[in-house]
Structure formats: structure tokens, C-alpha cells
Amino acid sequence: MSFTDTPSVLFGANYAFSAPNISISNVDNPSVSNAEAHATTGDLRKIAYGLLNDMYGRWNALDSANKPVRMTFTRTTATNDTAQTATVTFTLRFTTGDLAGEVADEPAA
């Protein structure tokens, strides 16, 4: 298999783009409820965490051959047993082709 760079890989099968809008469907993101995603009464923290959590799940399910080498996506969890809390960190890293910040092309297969 080889790396597939279409947006639906991370954003779900119902991802859509129609200028100027990008749509990411809640059908593909069960970690975000409709109430949490509501434009005026929702919670941006829950949207961000839920989208990242669902994106990471799709990323993690990919075979290594299907993941880019110039982008990595990791999730770490630290726990505080005393406070009974956890801190989740998502890290996305990109190798850029130059200092201008464009993502570098994947190596030839």
C-alpha cells in the first residue's frame, strides 16, 4: 500500500469542501455531540478535543505504509493519581521543505 493524502483519511468519509466552506461531519466524529458542536451554545474545547481524538483514532488505525513520513501524529496521556485527573496531549509534526513552511513532498516510493 502507499500513502493516501486525501483529507478524508483524517477527517472522515463525510469530509466536504465547497469554497469557501470546509465541512467535517459529526457522523465521523462521535467524540463530539451535536450540543457540543452547536455554533452558539457549544463548547470549543470539547470540539477541539473530540475532533483531535477522532482524527487520532483514524490515524492510529492506518497501516504504517499508509502514513506519511513527513508528518507524525502522536497522543500522550499523563495521569495524576492524587487529583484523579489526566492530561492528554496531541502532537502533530511536519517536515517542511524550507523555512517558508510548506510541507515537504513525500519521498518517491
C-alpha atoms as a PDB file:
ATOM      1  CA  MET A   1       0.000   0.000   0.000  1.00  0.00           C
ATOM      2  CA  SER A   2       1.057   3.601  -0.280  1.00  0.00           C
ATOM      3  CA  PHE A   3       0.307   6.841   1.479  1.00  0.00           C
ATOM      4  CA  THR A   4      -3.017   8.458   0.613  1.00  0.00           C
ATOM      5  CA  ASP A   5      -3.128  12.204   1.219  1.00  0.00           C
ATOM      6  CA  THR A   6      -6.842  12.913   0.813  1.00  0.00           C
ATOM      7  CA  PRO A   7      -8.440  14.879   3.687  1.00  0.00           C
ATOM      8  CA  SER A   8     -10.973  12.124   4.416  1.00  0.00           C
ATOM      9  CA  VAL A   9      -8.123   9.979   5.791  1.00  0.00           C
ATOM     10  CA  LEU A  10      -8.070  12.116   8.946  1.00  0.00           C
ATOM     11  CA  PHE A  11     -11.378  13.979   8.836  1.00  0.00           C
ATOM     12  CA  GLY A  12     -13.665  11.070   7.941  1.00  0.00           C
ATOM     13  CA  ALA A  13     -15.511   9.829   4.883  1.00  0.00           C
ATOM     14  CA  ASN A  14     -18.066  12.656   5.029  1.00  0.00           C
ATOM     15  CA  TYR A  15     -15.481  15.458   4.798  1.00  0.00           C
ATOM     16  CA  ALA A  16     -16.530  18.025   2.191  1.00  0.00           C
ATOM     17  CA  PHE A  17     -15.111  21.173   0.635  1.00  0.00           C
ATOM     18  CA  SER A  18     -17.037  23.728  -1.356  1.00  0.00           C
ATOM     19  CA  ALA A  19     -15.330  27.136  -1.446  1.00  0.00           C
ATOM     20  CA  PRO A  20     -15.271  28.846   0.940  1.00  0.00           C
ATOM     21  CA  ASN A  21     -16.511  26.126   3.322  1.00  0.00           C
ATOM     22  CA  ILE A  22     -14.950  23.027   4.805  1.00  0.00           C
ATOM     23  CA  SER A  23     -17.353  20.549   6.424  1.00  0.00           C
ATOM     24  CA  ILE A  24     -16.369  17.863   8.899  1.00  0.00           C
ATOM     25  CA  SER A  25     -19.357  15.666   9.729  1.00  0.00           C
ATOM     26  CA  ASN A  26     -20.347  14.666  13.236  1.00  0.00           C
ATOM     27  CA  VAL A  27     -21.254  11.286  11.724  1.00  0.00           C
ATOM     28  CA  ASP A  28     -17.497  10.657  11.514  1.00  0.00           C
ATOM     29  CA  ASN A  29     -16.702  12.258  14.871  1.00  0.00           C
ATOM     30  CA  PRO A  30     -18.617  10.506  17.633  1.00  0.00           C
ATOM     31  CA  SER A  31     -16.493  12.219  20.307  1.00  0.00           C
ATOM     32  CA  VAL A  32     -18.320  15.499  19.556  1.00  0.00           C
ATOM     33  CA  SER A  33     -22.019  15.659  20.329  1.00  0.00           C
ATOM     34  CA  ASN A  34     -24.402  17.895  18.394  1.00  0.00           C
ATOM     35  CA  ALA A  35     -24.902  20.006  21.534  1.00  0.00           C
ATOM     36  CA  GLU A  36     -21.127  20.451  21.957  1.00  0.00           C
ATOM     37  CA  ALA A  37     -20.760  21.423  18.278  1.00  0.00           C
ATOM     38  CA  HIS A  38     -23.628  23.949  18.291  1.00  0.00           C
ATOM     39  CA  ALA A  39     -22.418  27.273  16.829  1.00  0.00           C
ATOM     40  CA  THR A  40     -23.751  29.489  19.636  1.00  0.00           C
ATOM     41  CA  THR A  41     -24.105  27.247  22.682  1.00  0.00           C
ATOM     42  CA  GLY A  42     -21.380  24.648  22.085  1.00  0.00           C
ATOM     43  CA  ASP A  43     -18.022  24.260  23.795  1.00  0.00           C
ATOM     44  CA  LEU A  44     -14.957  24.929  21.633  1.00  0.00           C
ATOM     45  CA  ARG A  45     -12.743  22.892  23.993  1.00  0.00           C
ATOM     46  CA  LYS A  46     -14.897  19.811  23.553  1.00  0.00           C
ATOM     47  CA  ILE A  47     -14.980  20.301  19.786  1.00  0.00           C
ATOM     48  CA  ALA A  48     -11.184  20.604  19.559  1.00  0.00           C
ATOM     49  CA  TYR A  49     -10.567  17.645  21.878  1.00  0.00           C
ATOM     50  CA  GLY A  50     -13.208  15.479  20.198  1.00  0.00           C
ATOM     51  CA  LEU A  51     -12.009  16.201  16.655  1.00  0.00           C
ATOM     52  CA  LEU A  52      -8.378  15.542  17.588  1.00  0.00           C
ATOM     53  CA  ASN A  53      -9.343  12.358  19.427  1.00  0.00           C
ATOM     54  CA  ASP A  54     -11.326  11.030  16.451  1.00  0.00           C
ATOM     55  CA  MET A  55      -8.643  12.109  13.966  1.00  0.00           C
ATOM     56  CA  TYR A  56      -6.006  10.343  16.045  1.00  0.00           C
ATOM     57  CA  GLY A  57      -8.134   7.190  16.101  1.00  0.00           C
ATOM     58  CA  ARG A  58      -8.289   7.176  12.293  1.00  0.00           C
ATOM     59  CA  TRP A  59      -4.551   7.927  12.083  1.00  0.00           C
ATOM     60  CA  ASN A  60      -3.678   5.178  14.533  1.00  0.00           C
ATOM     61  CA  ALA A  61      -5.781   2.656  12.565  1.00  0.00           C
ATOM     62  CA  LEU A  62      -3.735   3.255   9.383  1.00  0.00           C
ATOM     63  CA  ASP A  63      -1.079   0.743   8.412  1.00  0.00           C
ATOM     64  CA  SER A  64       2.422   2.196   8.628  1.00  0.00           C
ATOM     65  CA  ALA A  65       2.716   2.092   4.832  1.00  0.00           C
ATOM     66  CA  ASN A  66      -0.327   4.366   4.576  1.00  0.00           C
ATOM     67  CA  LYS A  67       1.110   7.066   6.862  1.00  0.00           C
ATOM     68  CA  PRO A  68       3.238   9.904   5.538  1.00  0.00           C
ATOM     69  CA  VAL A  69       6.845  10.016   6.684  1.00  0.00           C
ATOM     70  CA  ARG A  70       6.896  13.821   6.692  1.00  0.00           C
ATOM     71  CA  MET A  71       4.026  14.093   9.152  1.00  0.00           C
ATOM     72  CA  THR A  72       3.584  12.400  12.501  1.00  0.00           C
ATOM     73  CA  PHE A  73       0.637  12.437  14.879  1.00  0.00           C
ATOM     74  CA  THR A  74       1.007  11.286  18.468  1.00  0.00           C
ATOM     75  CA  ARG A  75      -1.140  11.269  21.583  1.00  0.00           C
ATOM     76  CA  THR A  76       0.209  11.014  25.110  1.00  0.00           C
ATOM     77  CA  THR A  77      -1.668  10.823  28.375  1.00  0.00           C
ATOM     78  CA  ALA A  78      -0.265  11.769  31.771  1.00  0.00           C
ATOM     79  CA  THR A  79      -2.187  10.883  34.903  1.00  0.00           C
ATOM     80  CA  ASN A  80      -2.280  12.494  38.327  1.00  0.00           C
ATOM     81  CA  ASP A  81      -3.318   9.769  40.747  1.00  0.00           C
ATOM     82  CA  THR A  82      -3.731  12.205  43.638  1.00  0.00           C
ATOM     83  CA  ALA A  83      -6.087  14.548  41.787  1.00  0.00           C
ATOM     84  CA  GLN A  84      -7.615  11.690  39.755  1.00  0.00           C
ATOM     85  CA  THR A  85      -7.146  13.655  36.535  1.00  0.00           C
ATOM     86  CA  ALA A  86      -5.451  13.068  33.206  1.00  0.00           C
ATOM     87  CA  THR A  87      -3.779  15.412  30.729  1.00  0.00           C
ATOM     88  CA  VAL A  88      -3.943  14.436  27.068  1.00  0.00           C
ATOM     89  CA  THR A  89      -1.502  15.956  24.582  1.00  0.00           C
ATOM     90  CA  PHE A  90      -1.807  15.641  20.805  1.00  0.00           C
ATOM     91  CA  THR A  91       1.308  16.424  18.774  1.00  0.00           C
ATOM     92  CA  LEU A  92       1.328  16.948  15.016  1.00  0.00           C
ATOM     93  CA  ARG A  93       4.775  17.356  13.437  1.00  0.00           C
ATOM     94  CA  PHE A  94       5.516  18.296   9.843  1.00  0.00           C
ATOM     95  CA  THR A  95       8.805  18.214   7.955  1.00  0.00           C
ATOM     96  CA  THR A  96       8.870  21.308   5.801  1.00  0.00           C
ATOM     97  CA  GLY A  97      10.748  21.676   2.552  1.00  0.00           C
ATOM     98  CA  ASP A  98      12.071  25.103   3.501  1.00  0.00           C
ATOM     99  CA  LEU A  99      11.792  27.773   6.153  1.00  0.00           C
ATOM    100  CA  ALA A 100       8.729  29.238   4.418  1.00  0.00           C
ATOM    101  CA  GLY A 101       6.720  26.445   5.985  1.00  0.00           C
ATOM    102  CA  GLU A 102       5.409  24.425   3.053  1.00  0.00           C
ATOM    103  CA  VAL A 103       5.024  20.738   3.869  1.00  0.00           C
ATOM    104  CA  ALA A 104       7.739  18.773   2.083  1.00  0.00           C
ATOM    105  CA  ASP A 105       6.767  16.294  -0.625  1.00  0.00           C
ATOM    106  CA  GLU A 106       6.736  12.651   0.374  1.00  0.00           C
ATOM    107  CA  PRO A 107       9.717  10.630  -0.865  1.00  0.00           C
ATOM    108  CA  ALA A 108       9.259   8.678  -4.100  1.00  0.00           C
ATOM    109  CA  ALA A 109       8.020   5.153  -3.493  1.00  0.00           C
END
